[in-house]
């Protein structure tokens, strides 16, 4: 049987119904225009319906905007709740199934998929949000992880995004990976995936889905991101940061995914996020008769997990730490 780490839901899923009516034609998507020149900035939460720390962070910021305690200094700010239907199914006593309804919303962002004949809850929502994503210059997508793991900034496949994350200063661990075999993520779409473009996108993994610390990481990252993009004054950012900056940031560069071949996939080592396997050739997982082993010394296990894992899904990614 797949390894399952016991979880406790420490966070309370917020009521987002007050934010579904919006100033756009799309429910749950709000645009705030400063009236001044500047970047088009977008922040998204609930890419997956059970990753509630991002919804908490957006609720917090929307309340700040409503009360007049924050407004963008320049440019425009788009705030979007993504997978509304999956989130509506979230149950604290059974929190894993509400990740999505029909398919992973974060694997449908290739034009061929969005413009193709497919139909699902997630595709319909992505098609509605596509214009906002394509207009954005700078994007933050707020996530969390199924297994316990310290926060991680996913920089897509490009060094430009890693440099952007270093300027943000948070969190300590940054990731450049090889994408997902199951489909294109939002942070890789269009100009975000073009090394020659000035557009940049980051995906923050705030920790385990429902640990209380994930809320603080989400709000801290959001505040710092708004400061870095020029939309928030330094004093406001300083007043709302919640997590101390790390003394150093390290980059993990992924070399390969470990992809489940069947429903019988199981780990042979504890699936610890950012855990390091010392020796090359160490068996780490088994799927039928096939044994997956580490390809090199000091292999880093990136976001391992078996919740909702299906054949063809990524069980873990393997990489190396860089300075």
C-alpha atoms as a PDB file:
ATOM      1  CA  UNK A   1       0.000   0.000   0.000  1.00  0.00           C
ATOM      2  CA  UNK A   2       1.245   3.560  -0.624  1.00  0.00           C
ATOM      3  CA  UNK A   3       2.794   5.321   2.352  1.00  0.00           C
ATOM      4  CA  UNK A   4       0.393   7.816   3.916  1.00  0.00           C
ATOM      5  CA  UNK A   5       1.555  10.300   6.497  1.00  0.00           C
ATOM      6  CA  UNK A   6      -1.133  11.015   9.124  1.00  0.00           C
ATOM      7  CA  UNK A   7      -2.292  14.614   8.860  1.00  0.00           C
ATOM      8  CA  UNK A   8      -4.085  17.058  11.108  1.00  0.00           C
ATOM      9  CA  UNK A   9      -6.077  19.955   9.683  1.00  0.00           C
ATOM     10  CA  UNK A  10      -4.976  22.928  11.803  1.00  0.00           C
ATOM     11  CA  UNK A  11      -6.206  25.634   9.405  1.00  0.00           C
ATOM     12  CA  UNK A  12      -9.831  26.594   8.913  1.00  0.00           C
ATOM     13  CA  UNK A  13     -10.987  26.945   5.337  1.00  0.00           C
ATOM     14  CA  UNK A  14     -12.198  30.545   4.952  1.00  0.00           C
ATOM     15  CA  UNK A  15     -15.578  31.563   3.622  1.00  0.00           C
ATOM     16  CA  UNK A  16     -14.782  33.072   0.225  1.00  0.00           C
ATOM     17  CA  UNK A  17     -18.410  33.640  -0.776  1.00  0.00           C
ATOM     18  CA  UNK A  18     -18.164  37.424  -0.145  1.00  0.00           C
ATOM     19  CA  UNK A  19     -15.412  37.570  -2.768  1.00  0.00           C
ATOM     20  CA  UNK A  20     -17.148  35.614  -5.523  1.00  0.00           C
ATOM     21  CA  UNK A  21     -18.996  38.696  -6.843  1.00  0.00           C
ATOM     22  CA  UNK A  22     -16.228  40.719  -8.449  1.00  0.00           C
ATOM     23  CA  UNK A  23     -15.441  43.746 -10.570  1.00  0.00           C
ATOM     24  CA  UNK A  24     -14.697  41.488 -13.529  1.00  0.00           C
ATOM     25  CA  UNK A  25     -16.940  39.200 -15.547  1.00  0.00           C
ATOM     26  CA  UNK A  26     -15.346  36.181 -13.816  1.00  0.00           C
ATOM     27  CA  UNK A  27     -16.489  35.168 -10.316  1.00  0.00           C
ATOM     28  CA  UNK A  28     -13.702  35.246  -7.745  1.00  0.00           C
ATOM     29  CA  UNK A  29     -11.322  37.328  -9.892  1.00  0.00           C
ATOM     30  CA  UNK A  30     -10.699  40.934  -8.791  1.00  0.00           C
ATOM     31  CA  UNK A  31      -8.642  43.596 -10.576  1.00  0.00           C
ATOM     32  CA  UNK A  32      -7.386  46.720  -8.795  1.00  0.00           C
ATOM     33  CA  UNK A  33      -5.991  49.460 -11.036  1.00  0.00           C
ATOM     34  CA  UNK A  34      -3.822  52.128  -9.426  1.00  0.00           C
ATOM     35  CA  UNK A  35      -4.293  54.457 -12.387  1.00  0.00           C
ATOM     36  CA  UNK A  36      -0.527  54.794 -12.660  1.00  0.00           C
ATOM     37  CA  UNK A  37       1.978  53.112 -14.937  1.00  0.00           C
ATOM     38  CA  UNK A  38       3.490  49.921 -13.589  1.00  0.00           C
ATOM     39  CA  UNK A  39       3.535  46.166 -13.861  1.00  0.00           C
ATOM     40  CA  UNK A  40       0.491  43.953 -14.186  1.00  0.00           C
ATOM     41  CA  UNK A  41       0.740  41.729 -11.139  1.00  0.00           C
ATOM     42  CA  UNK A  42      -1.351  38.622 -10.498  1.00  0.00           C
ATOM     43  CA  UNK A  43      -1.705  36.459  -7.392  1.00  0.00           C
ATOM     44  CA  UNK A  44      -3.631  33.191  -7.509  1.00  0.00           C
ATOM     45  CA  UNK A  45      -4.832  30.899  -4.736  1.00  0.00           C
ATOM     46  CA  UNK A  46      -6.755  27.608  -4.767  1.00  0.00           C
ATOM     47  CA  UNK A  47      -5.050  26.221  -7.833  1.00  0.00           C
ATOM     48  CA  UNK A  48      -5.900  23.068  -5.908  1.00  0.00           C
ATOM     49  CA  UNK A  49      -9.076  23.101  -3.885  1.00  0.00           C
ATOM     50  CA  UNK A  50      -7.579  21.684  -0.691  1.00  0.00           C
ATOM     51  CA  UNK A  51      -4.601  24.085  -0.490  1.00  0.00           C
ATOM     52  CA  UNK A  52      -6.331  26.574   1.746  1.00  0.00           C
ATOM     53  CA  UNK A  53      -3.440  28.724   2.990  1.00  0.00           C
ATOM     54  CA  UNK A  54      -3.568  30.708  -0.258  1.00  0.00           C
ATOM     55  CA  UNK A  55      -7.282  31.384   0.221  1.00  0.00           C
ATOM     56  CA  UNK A  56      -6.522  32.669   3.715  1.00  0.00           C
ATOM     57  CA  UNK A  57      -3.835  34.985   2.307  1.00  0.00           C
ATOM     58  CA  UNK A  58      -6.114  36.368  -0.420  1.00  0.00           C
ATOM     59  CA  UNK A  59      -8.917  36.899   2.091  1.00  0.00           C
ATOM     60  CA  UNK A  60      -6.498  38.836   4.274  1.00  0.00           C
ATOM     61  CA  UNK A  61      -5.394  41.074   1.393  1.00  0.00           C
ATOM     62  CA  UNK A  62      -8.911  41.654   0.089  1.00  0.00           C
ATOM     63  CA  UNK A  63      -9.952  42.802   3.542  1.00  0.00           C
ATOM     64  CA  UNK A  64      -6.979  45.174   3.563  1.00  0.00           C
ATOM     65  CA  UNK A  65      -8.135  46.572   0.230  1.00  0.00           C
ATOM     66  CA  UNK A  66     -11.755  46.879   1.342  1.00  0.00           C
ATOM     67  CA  UNK A  67     -10.770  48.767   4.499  1.00  0.00           C
ATOM     68  CA  UNK A  68      -8.428  51.085   2.613  1.00  0.00           C
ATOM     69  CA  UNK A  69      -5.418  49.735   4.508  1.00  0.00           C
ATOM     70  CA  UNK A  70      -3.715  48.788   1.245  1.00  0.00           C
ATOM     71  CA  UNK A  71      -3.912  49.884  -2.366  1.00  0.00           C
ATOM     72  CA  UNK A  72      -1.434  49.279  -5.188  1.00  0.00           C
ATOM     73  CA  UNK A  73       1.085  52.086  -5.606  1.00  0.00           C
ATOM     74  CA  UNK A  74       1.306  51.558  -9.355  1.00  0.00           C
ATOM     75  CA  UNK A  75       0.242  49.197 -12.112  1.00  0.00           C
ATOM     76  CA  UNK A  76      -2.606  46.737 -11.608  1.00  0.00           C
ATOM     77  CA  UNK A  77      -3.186  43.917  -9.163  1.00  0.00           C
ATOM     78  CA  UNK A  78      -5.273  40.864 -10.043  1.00  0.00           C
ATOM     79  CA  UNK A  79      -6.348  38.494  -7.267  1.00  0.00           C
ATOM     80  CA  UNK A  80      -7.876  35.193  -8.321  1.00  0.00           C
ATOM     81  CA  UNK A  81      -9.419  32.232  -6.558  1.00  0.00           C
ATOM     82  CA  UNK A  82      -8.861  29.439  -9.055  1.00  0.00           C
ATOM     83  CA  UNK A  83     -10.636  26.107  -8.592  1.00  0.00           C
ATOM     84  CA  UNK A  84     -13.859  27.225  -6.935  1.00  0.00           C
ATOM     85  CA  UNK A  85     -15.740  23.972  -7.468  1.00  0.00           C
ATOM     86  CA  UNK A  86     -12.998  21.841  -5.944  1.00  0.00           C
ATOM     87  CA  UNK A  87     -12.744  24.185  -2.962  1.00  0.00           C
ATOM     88  CA  UNK A  88     -16.500  23.951  -2.407  1.00  0.00           C
ATOM     89  CA  UNK A  89     -15.996  20.207  -1.843  1.00  0.00           C
ATOM     90  CA  UNK A  90     -13.295  20.606   0.828  1.00  0.00           C
ATOM     91  CA  UNK A  91     -14.011  18.591   3.984  1.00  0.00           C
ATOM     92  CA  UNK A  92     -11.645  18.788   6.966  1.00  0.00           C
ATOM     93  CA  UNK A  93     -12.366  15.156   7.894  1.00  0.00           C
ATOM     94  CA  UNK A  94     -11.461  13.975   4.375  1.00  0.00           C
ATOM     95  CA  UNK A  95      -9.316  16.744   2.900  1.00  0.00           C
ATOM     96  CA  UNK A  96      -7.407  15.051   0.084  1.00  0.00           C
ATOM     97  CA  UNK A  97     -10.116  14.358  -2.555  1.00  0.00           C
ATOM     98  CA  UNK A  98     -10.905  18.054  -3.060  1.00  0.00           C
ATOM     99  CA  UNK A  99      -7.580  18.716  -4.785  1.00  0.00           C
ATOM    100  CA  UNK A 100      -9.554  18.857  -8.060  1.00  0.00           C
ATOM    101  CA  UNK A 101     -12.867  17.764  -9.535  1.00  0.00           C
ATOM    102  CA  UNK A 102     -12.062  16.230 -12.932  1.00  0.00           C
ATOM    103  CA  UNK A 103      -8.349  16.868 -13.537  1.00  0.00           C
ATOM    104  CA  UNK A 104      -5.428  18.863 -12.220  1.00  0.00           C
ATOM    105  CA  UNK A 105      -6.031  22.550 -12.963  1.00  0.00           C
ATOM    106  CA  UNK A 106      -2.271  23.097 -12.977  1.00  0.00           C
ATOM    107  CA  UNK A 107      -1.595  20.758 -15.896  1.00  0.00           C
ATOM    108  CA  UNK A 108      -3.868  22.306 -18.547  1.00  0.00           C
ATOM    109  CA  UNK A 109      -2.040  25.515 -19.508  1.00  0.00           C
ATOM    110  CA  UNK A 110      -0.713  24.592 -22.956  1.00  0.00           C
ATOM    111  CA  UNK A 111      -2.561  26.264 -25.836  1.00  0.00           C
ATOM    112  CA  UNK A 112      -3.180  22.863 -27.374  1.00  0.00           C
ATOM    113  CA  UNK A 113      -5.069  21.836 -24.245  1.00  0.00           C
ATOM    114  CA  UNK A 114      -6.926  25.088 -23.636  1.00  0.00           C
ATOM    115  CA  UNK A 115      -7.941  25.371 -27.305  1.00  0.00           C
ATOM    116  CA  UNK A 116      -8.615  21.666 -27.726  1.00  0.00           C
ATOM    117  CA  UNK A 117     -11.873  19.720 -27.567  1.00  0.00           C
ATOM    118  CA  UNK A 118     -11.482  18.636 -23.931  1.00  0.00           C
ATOM    119  CA  UNK A 119     -14.054  19.579 -21.326  1.00  0.00           C
ATOM    120  CA  UNK A 120     -13.761  19.482 -17.546  1.00  0.00           C
ATOM    121  CA  UNK A 121     -14.447  21.671 -14.531  1.00  0.00           C
ATOM    122  CA  UNK A 122     -10.788  22.658 -14.476  1.00  0.00           C
ATOM    123  CA  UNK A 123     -10.507  23.365 -18.194  1.00  0.00           C
ATOM    124  CA  UNK A 124     -13.569  25.588 -18.126  1.00  0.00           C
ATOM    125  CA  UNK A 125     -12.145  27.578 -15.232  1.00  0.00           C
ATOM    126  CA  UNK A 126      -8.689  27.860 -16.825  1.00  0.00           C
ATOM    127  CA  UNK A 127     -10.236  29.155 -20.051  1.00  0.00           C
ATOM    128  CA  UNK A 128     -11.945  31.904 -18.053  1.00  0.00           C
ATOM    129  CA  UNK A 129      -8.738  32.883 -16.276  1.00  0.00           C
ATOM    130  CA  UNK A 130      -6.457  32.655 -19.308  1.00  0.00           C
ATOM    131  CA  UNK A 131      -6.809  36.355 -20.297  1.00  0.00           C
ATOM    132  CA  UNK A 132      -5.717  37.466 -16.814  1.00  0.00           C
ATOM    133  CA  UNK A 133      -2.762  35.088 -16.803  1.00  0.00           C
ATOM    134  CA  UNK A 134      -1.654  36.137 -20.276  1.00  0.00           C
ATOM    135  CA  UNK A 135      -1.812  39.833 -19.373  1.00  0.00           C
ATOM    136  CA  UNK A 136       0.238  39.457 -16.193  1.00  0.00           C
ATOM    137  CA  UNK A 137       3.854  40.577 -16.087  1.00  0.00           C
ATOM    138  CA  UNK A 138       4.595  39.106 -12.663  1.00  0.00           C
ATOM    139  CA  UNK A 139       2.741  36.155 -11.152  1.00  0.00           C
ATOM    140  CA  UNK A 140       2.620  34.454  -7.750  1.00  0.00           C
ATOM    141  CA  UNK A 141       0.763  31.146  -7.423  1.00  0.00           C
ATOM    142  CA  UNK A 142       0.249  30.095  -3.765  1.00  0.00           C
ATOM    143  CA  UNK A 143       0.327  26.369  -3.003  1.00  0.00           C
ATOM    144  CA  UNK A 144       1.033  23.891  -0.220  1.00  0.00           C
ATOM    145  CA  UNK A 145       2.220  20.277  -0.086  1.00  0.00           C
ATOM    146  CA  UNK A 146       0.669  16.932   0.814  1.00  0.00           C
ATOM    147  CA  UNK A 147       3.603  15.676   2.882  1.00  0.00           C
ATOM    148  CA  UNK A 148       5.404  17.588   5.646  1.00  0.00           C
ATOM    149  CA  UNK A 149       8.155  19.717   4.123  1.00  0.00           C
ATOM    150  CA  UNK A 150       9.744  23.084   4.773  1.00  0.00           C
ATOM    151  CA  UNK A 151       8.564  25.849   2.414  1.00  0.00           C
ATOM    152  CA  UNK A 152       9.819  25.749  -1.156  1.00  0.00           C
ATOM    153  CA  UNK A 153       9.749  28.205  -4.061  1.00  0.00           C
ATOM    154  CA  UNK A 154       9.142  26.524  -7.404  1.00  0.00           C
ATOM    155  CA  UNK A 155      10.813  28.614 -10.130  1.00  0.00           C
ATOM    156  CA  UNK A 156       9.672  26.568 -13.104  1.00  0.00           C
ATOM    157  CA  UNK A 157      12.409  25.580 -15.508  1.00  0.00           C
ATOM    158  CA  UNK A 158      14.158  28.938 -15.844  1.00  0.00           C
ATOM    159  CA  UNK A 159      16.971  30.683 -14.004  1.00  0.00           C
ATOM    160  CA  UNK A 160      15.260  34.086 -14.462  1.00  0.00           C
ATOM    161  CA  UNK A 161      12.589  32.998 -12.004  1.00  0.00           C
ATOM    162  CA  UNK A 162      15.189  31.724  -9.543  1.00  0.00           C
ATOM    163  CA  UNK A 163      16.875  35.143  -9.663  1.00  0.00           C
ATOM    164  CA  UNK A 164      13.464  36.722  -8.980  1.00  0.00           C
ATOM    165  CA  UNK A 165      13.008  34.406  -5.978  1.00  0.00           C
ATOM    166  CA  UNK A 166      16.429  35.386  -4.657  1.00  0.00           C
ATOM    167  CA  UNK A 167      15.386  39.041  -4.873  1.00  0.00           C
ATOM    168  CA  UNK A 168      12.257  38.129  -2.889  1.00  0.00           C
ATOM    169  CA  UNK A 169      14.522  36.533  -0.268  1.00  0.00           C
ATOM    170  CA  UNK A 170      12.033  33.896   0.838  1.00  0.00           C
ATOM    171  CA  UNK A 171      11.963  30.925   1.377  1.00  0.00           C
ATOM    172  CA  UNK A 172      15.332  29.263   1.985  1.00  0.00           C
ATOM    173  CA  UNK A 173      14.857  26.521  -0.622  1.00  0.00           C
ATOM    174  CA  UNK A 174      14.377  27.286  -4.312  1.00  0.00           C
ATOM    175  CA  UNK A 175      13.612  24.782  -7.059  1.00  0.00           C
ATOM    176  CA  UNK A 176      14.260  24.628 -10.776  1.00  0.00           C
ATOM    177  CA  UNK A 177      12.671  21.506 -12.196  1.00  0.00           C
ATOM    178  CA  UNK A 178      11.880  19.780 -15.456  1.00  0.00           C
ATOM    179  CA  UNK A 179       8.157  20.515 -15.616  1.00  0.00           C
ATOM    180  CA  UNK A 180       5.414  17.925 -15.286  1.00  0.00           C
ATOM    181  CA  UNK A 181       4.947  15.034 -17.717  1.00  0.00           C
ATOM    182  CA  UNK A 182       1.185  15.310 -17.204  1.00  0.00           C
ATOM    183  CA  UNK A 183       0.910  18.830 -18.637  1.00  0.00           C
ATOM    184  CA  UNK A 184       1.998  22.473 -18.613  1.00  0.00           C
ATOM    185  CA  UNK A 185       1.762  24.447 -15.371  1.00  0.00           C
ATOM    186  CA  UNK A 186       0.529  28.008 -15.254  1.00  0.00           C
ATOM    187  CA  UNK A 187       3.960  29.406 -14.274  1.00  0.00           C
ATOM    188  CA  UNK A 188       5.421  27.937 -17.483  1.00  0.00           C
ATOM    189  CA  UNK A 189       2.759  29.298 -19.816  1.00  0.00           C
ATOM    190  CA  UNK A 190       3.696  31.600 -22.685  1.00  0.00           C
ATOM    191  CA  UNK A 191       6.182  34.337 -21.860  1.00  0.00           C
ATOM    192  CA  UNK A 192       6.654  32.976 -18.333  1.00  0.00           C
ATOM    193  CA  UNK A 193       8.409  30.021 -19.950  1.00  0.00           C
ATOM    194  CA  UNK A 194      10.489  32.166 -22.343  1.00  0.00           C
ATOM    195  CA  UNK A 195      13.974  32.953 -20.996  1.00  0.00           C
ATOM    196  CA  UNK A 196      14.150  36.056 -23.204  1.00  0.00           C
ATOM    197  CA  UNK A 197      10.951  37.575 -21.771  1.00  0.00           C
ATOM    198  CA  UNK A 198      10.921  39.970 -18.815  1.00  0.00           C
ATOM    199  CA  UNK A 199       7.780  38.279 -17.492  1.00  0.00           C
ATOM    200  CA  UNK A 200       8.360  36.144 -14.391  1.00  0.00           C
ATOM    201  CA  UNK A 201       6.312  33.672 -12.385  1.00  0.00           C
ATOM    202  CA  UNK A 202       6.790  31.943  -9.037  1.00  0.00           C
ATOM    203  CA  UNK A 203       4.942  29.135  -7.288  1.00  0.00           C
ATOM    204  CA  UNK A 204       5.366  29.053  -3.529  1.00  0.00           C
ATOM    205  CA  UNK A 205       4.806  25.837  -1.605  1.00  0.00           C
ATOM    206  CA  UNK A 206       4.043  27.092   1.903  1.00  0.00           C
ATOM    207  CA  UNK A 207       4.550  23.806   3.769  1.00  0.00           C
ATOM    208  CA  UNK A 208       2.178  20.944   4.500  1.00  0.00           C
ATOM    209  CA  UNK A 209      -1.369  21.732   3.366  1.00  0.00           C
ATOM    210  CA  UNK A 210      -3.048  22.275   6.711  1.00  0.00           C
ATOM    211  CA  UNK A 211      -0.309  23.065   9.219  1.00  0.00           C
ATOM    212  CA  UNK A 212      -0.793  26.413  10.946  1.00  0.00           C
ATOM    213  CA  UNK A 213       2.609  27.681   9.791  1.00  0.00           C
ATOM    214  CA  UNK A 214       1.472  27.544   6.142  1.00  0.00           C
ATOM    215  CA  UNK A 215      -0.868  30.507   6.710  1.00  0.00           C
ATOM    216  CA  UNK A 216       2.024  32.664   7.943  1.00  0.00           C
ATOM    217  CA  UNK A 217       4.261  31.644   5.061  1.00  0.00           C
ATOM    218  CA  UNK A 218       1.511  32.439   2.542  1.00  0.00           C
ATOM    219  CA  UNK A 219       0.827  35.926   3.937  1.00  0.00           C
ATOM    220  CA  UNK A 220       4.527  36.680   4.391  1.00  0.00           C
ATOM    221  CA  UNK A 221       5.334  35.657   0.829  1.00  0.00           C
ATOM    222  CA  UNK A 222       2.394  37.641  -0.543  1.00  0.00           C
ATOM    223  CA  UNK A 223       3.442  40.800   1.319  1.00  0.00           C
ATOM    224  CA  UNK A 224       7.051  40.497   0.200  1.00  0.00           C
ATOM    225  CA  UNK A 225       5.962  39.799  -3.387  1.00  0.00           C
ATOM    226  CA  UNK A 226       3.857  42.957  -3.497  1.00  0.00           C
ATOM    227  CA  UNK A 227       6.834  44.908  -2.216  1.00  0.00           C
ATOM    228  CA  UNK A 228       9.220  43.391  -4.731  1.00  0.00           C
ATOM    229  CA  UNK A 229       6.890  44.177  -7.634  1.00  0.00           C
ATOM    230  CA  UNK A 230       6.627  47.811  -6.529  1.00  0.00           C
ATOM    231  CA  UNK A 231       2.928  47.654  -5.676  1.00  0.00           C
ATOM    232  CA  UNK A 232       3.388  47.932  -1.898  1.00  0.00           C
ATOM    233  CA  UNK A 233       5.423  50.450   0.125  1.00  0.00           C
ATOM    234  CA  UNK A 234       8.307  49.147   2.215  1.00  0.00           C
ATOM    235  CA  UNK A 235       6.671  50.193   5.490  1.00  0.00           C
ATOM    236  CA  UNK A 236       3.515  48.186   4.693  1.00  0.00           C
ATOM    237  CA  UNK A 237       5.596  45.136   3.765  1.00  0.00           C
ATOM    238  CA  UNK A 238       7.631  45.395   6.960  1.00  0.00           C
ATOM    239  CA  UNK A 239       4.472  45.693   9.049  1.00  0.00           C
ATOM    240  CA  UNK A 240       3.000  42.507   7.588  1.00  0.00           C
ATOM    241  CA  UNK A 241       5.908  40.100   7.218  1.00  0.00           C
ATOM    242  CA  UNK A 242       5.566  37.111   9.525  1.00  0.00           C
ATOM    243  CA  UNK A 243       8.569  34.902   8.800  1.00  0.00           C
ATOM    244  CA  UNK A 244      12.220  35.837   9.284  1.00  0.00           C
ATOM    245  CA  UNK A 245      14.306  35.886   6.127  1.00  0.00           C
ATOM    246  CA  UNK A 246      16.680  32.920   5.828  1.00  0.00           C
ATOM    247  CA  UNK A 247      20.374  33.613   6.171  1.00  0.00           C
ATOM    248  CA  UNK A 248      20.989  31.885   2.859  1.00  0.00           C
ATOM    249  CA  UNK A 249      18.914  30.507  -0.026  1.00  0.00           C
ATOM    250  CA  UNK A 250      19.821  27.257  -1.744  1.00  0.00           C
ATOM    251  CA  UNK A 251      18.711  26.052  -5.139  1.00  0.00           C
ATOM    252  CA  UNK A 252      17.670  22.483  -5.911  1.00  0.00           C
ATOM    253  CA  UNK A 253      17.992  21.656  -9.587  1.00  0.00           C
ATOM    254  CA  UNK A 254      15.818  18.690 -10.516  1.00  0.00           C
ATOM    255  CA  UNK A 255      17.225  16.198 -12.981  1.00  0.00           C
ATOM    256  CA  UNK A 256      14.383  13.707 -13.288  1.00  0.00           C
ATOM    257  CA  UNK A 257      10.945  12.737 -12.021  1.00  0.00           C
ATOM    258  CA  UNK A 258       9.974   9.388 -10.561  1.00  0.00           C
ATOM    259  CA  UNK A 259       6.664   8.581 -12.249  1.00  0.00           C
ATOM    260  CA  UNK A 260       4.247   5.942 -10.961  1.00  0.00           C
ATOM    261  CA  UNK A 261       3.608   3.118 -13.407  1.00  0.00           C
ATOM    262  CA  UNK A 262       0.693   1.556 -11.540  1.00  0.00           C
ATOM    263  CA  UNK A 263      -1.486   1.940  -8.471  1.00  0.00           C
ATOM    264  CA  UNK A 264       0.956  -0.366  -6.691  1.00  0.00           C
ATOM    265  CA  UNK A 265       3.695   2.265  -6.430  1.00  0.00           C
ATOM    266  CA  UNK A 266       5.238   2.466  -2.959  1.00  0.00           C
ATOM    267  CA  UNK A 267       8.204   4.178  -1.353  1.00  0.00           C
ATOM    268  CA  UNK A 268      11.004   2.080   0.149  1.00  0.00           C
ATOM    269  CA  UNK A 269      12.362   5.027   2.149  1.00  0.00           C
ATOM    270  CA  UNK A 270      10.493   7.601   4.238  1.00  0.00           C
ATOM    271  CA  UNK A 271       9.143  10.187   1.750  1.00  0.00           C
ATOM    272  CA  UNK A 272      10.608  13.230   3.479  1.00  0.00           C
ATOM    273  CA  UNK A 273      10.385  16.452   1.487  1.00  0.00           C
ATOM    274  CA  UNK A 274      13.879  17.808   0.707  1.00  0.00           C
ATOM    275  CA  UNK A 275      15.360  14.756   2.358  1.00  0.00           C
ATOM    276  CA  UNK A 276      18.800  13.771   1.054  1.00  0.00           C
ATOM    277  CA  UNK A 277      19.727  10.195   0.063  1.00  0.00           C
ATOM    278  CA  UNK A 278      23.473   9.888   0.531  1.00  0.00           C
ATOM    279  CA  UNK A 279      24.494   7.156  -1.910  1.00  0.00           C
ATOM    280  CA  UNK A 280      23.849   6.604  -5.602  1.00  0.00           C
ATOM    281  CA  UNK A 281      22.000   3.369  -6.344  1.00  0.00           C
ATOM    282  CA  UNK A 282      19.909   3.441  -3.167  1.00  0.00           C
ATOM    283  CA  UNK A 283      16.478   1.839  -3.741  1.00  0.00           C
ATOM    284  CA  UNK A 284      13.830   4.461  -2.965  1.00  0.00           C
ATOM    285  CA  UNK A 285      10.611   3.094  -4.467  1.00  0.00           C
ATOM    286  CA  UNK A 286       9.077   0.013  -6.030  1.00  0.00           C
ATOM    287  CA  UNK A 287       6.365  -0.333  -8.654  1.00  0.00           C
ATOM    288  CA  UNK A 288       5.609  -3.937  -9.460  1.00  0.00           C
ATOM    289  CA  UNK A 289       8.948  -5.548 -10.242  1.00  0.00           C
ATOM    290  CA  UNK A 290      10.636  -2.251 -11.053  1.00  0.00           C
ATOM    291  CA  UNK A 291      12.893  -0.675  -8.429  1.00  0.00           C
ATOM    292  CA  UNK A 292      13.653   3.061  -8.593  1.00  0.00           C
ATOM    293  CA  UNK A 293      17.126   3.973  -7.343  1.00  0.00           C
ATOM    294  CA  UNK A 294      18.949   7.256  -6.808  1.00  0.00           C
ATOM    295  CA  UNK A 295      21.045   8.256  -9.853  1.00  0.00           C
ATOM    296  CA  UNK A 296      23.804  10.016  -7.887  1.00  0.00           C
ATOM    297  CA  UNK A 297      25.110  10.734  -4.395  1.00  0.00           C
ATOM    298  CA  UNK A 298      23.320  13.361  -2.289  1.00  0.00           C
ATOM    299  CA  UNK A 299      20.057  13.067  -4.220  1.00  0.00           C
ATOM    300  CA  UNK A 300      17.354  15.397  -2.926  1.00  0.00           C
ATOM    301  CA  UNK A 301      13.759  14.163  -2.727  1.00  0.00           C
ATOM    302  CA  UNK A 302      11.498  16.979  -3.911  1.00  0.00           C
ATOM    303  CA  UNK A 303       7.819  16.983  -2.904  1.00  0.00           C
ATOM    304  CA  UNK A 304       7.257  13.251  -2.493  1.00  0.00           C
ATOM    305  CA  UNK A 305       3.687  12.119  -2.087  1.00  0.00           C
ATOM    306  CA  UNK A 306       1.202   9.392  -2.876  1.00  0.00           C
ATOM    307  CA  UNK A 307      -2.096  11.079  -2.026  1.00  0.00           C
ATOM    308  CA  UNK A 308      -4.203  11.084  -5.206  1.00  0.00           C
ATOM    309  CA  UNK A 309      -1.260   9.486  -7.056  1.00  0.00           C
ATOM    310  CA  UNK A 310      -2.354   7.733 -10.226  1.00  0.00           C
ATOM    311  CA  UNK A 311      -0.424   5.853 -12.928  1.00  0.00           C
ATOM    312  CA  UNK A 312       1.510   8.462 -14.903  1.00  0.00           C
ATOM    313  CA  UNK A 313       1.633  10.828 -11.915  1.00  0.00           C
ATOM    314  CA  UNK A 314       4.864  12.142 -10.421  1.00  0.00           C
ATOM    315  CA  UNK A 315       5.579  10.500  -7.058  1.00  0.00           C
ATOM    316  CA  UNK A 316       8.768  12.457  -6.361  1.00  0.00           C
ATOM    317  CA  UNK A 317      11.388  14.462  -8.226  1.00  0.00           C
ATOM    318  CA  UNK A 318      15.115  13.975  -7.711  1.00  0.00           C
ATOM    319  CA  UNK A 319      17.629  16.794  -7.792  1.00  0.00           C
ATOM    320  CA  UNK A 320      20.865  18.251  -6.466  1.00  0.00           C
ATOM    321  CA  UNK A 321      21.503  21.204  -4.172  1.00  0.00           C
ATOM    322  CA  UNK A 322      23.420  24.134  -5.654  1.00  0.00           C
ATOM    323  CA  UNK A 323      24.650  27.254  -3.888  1.00  0.00           C
END
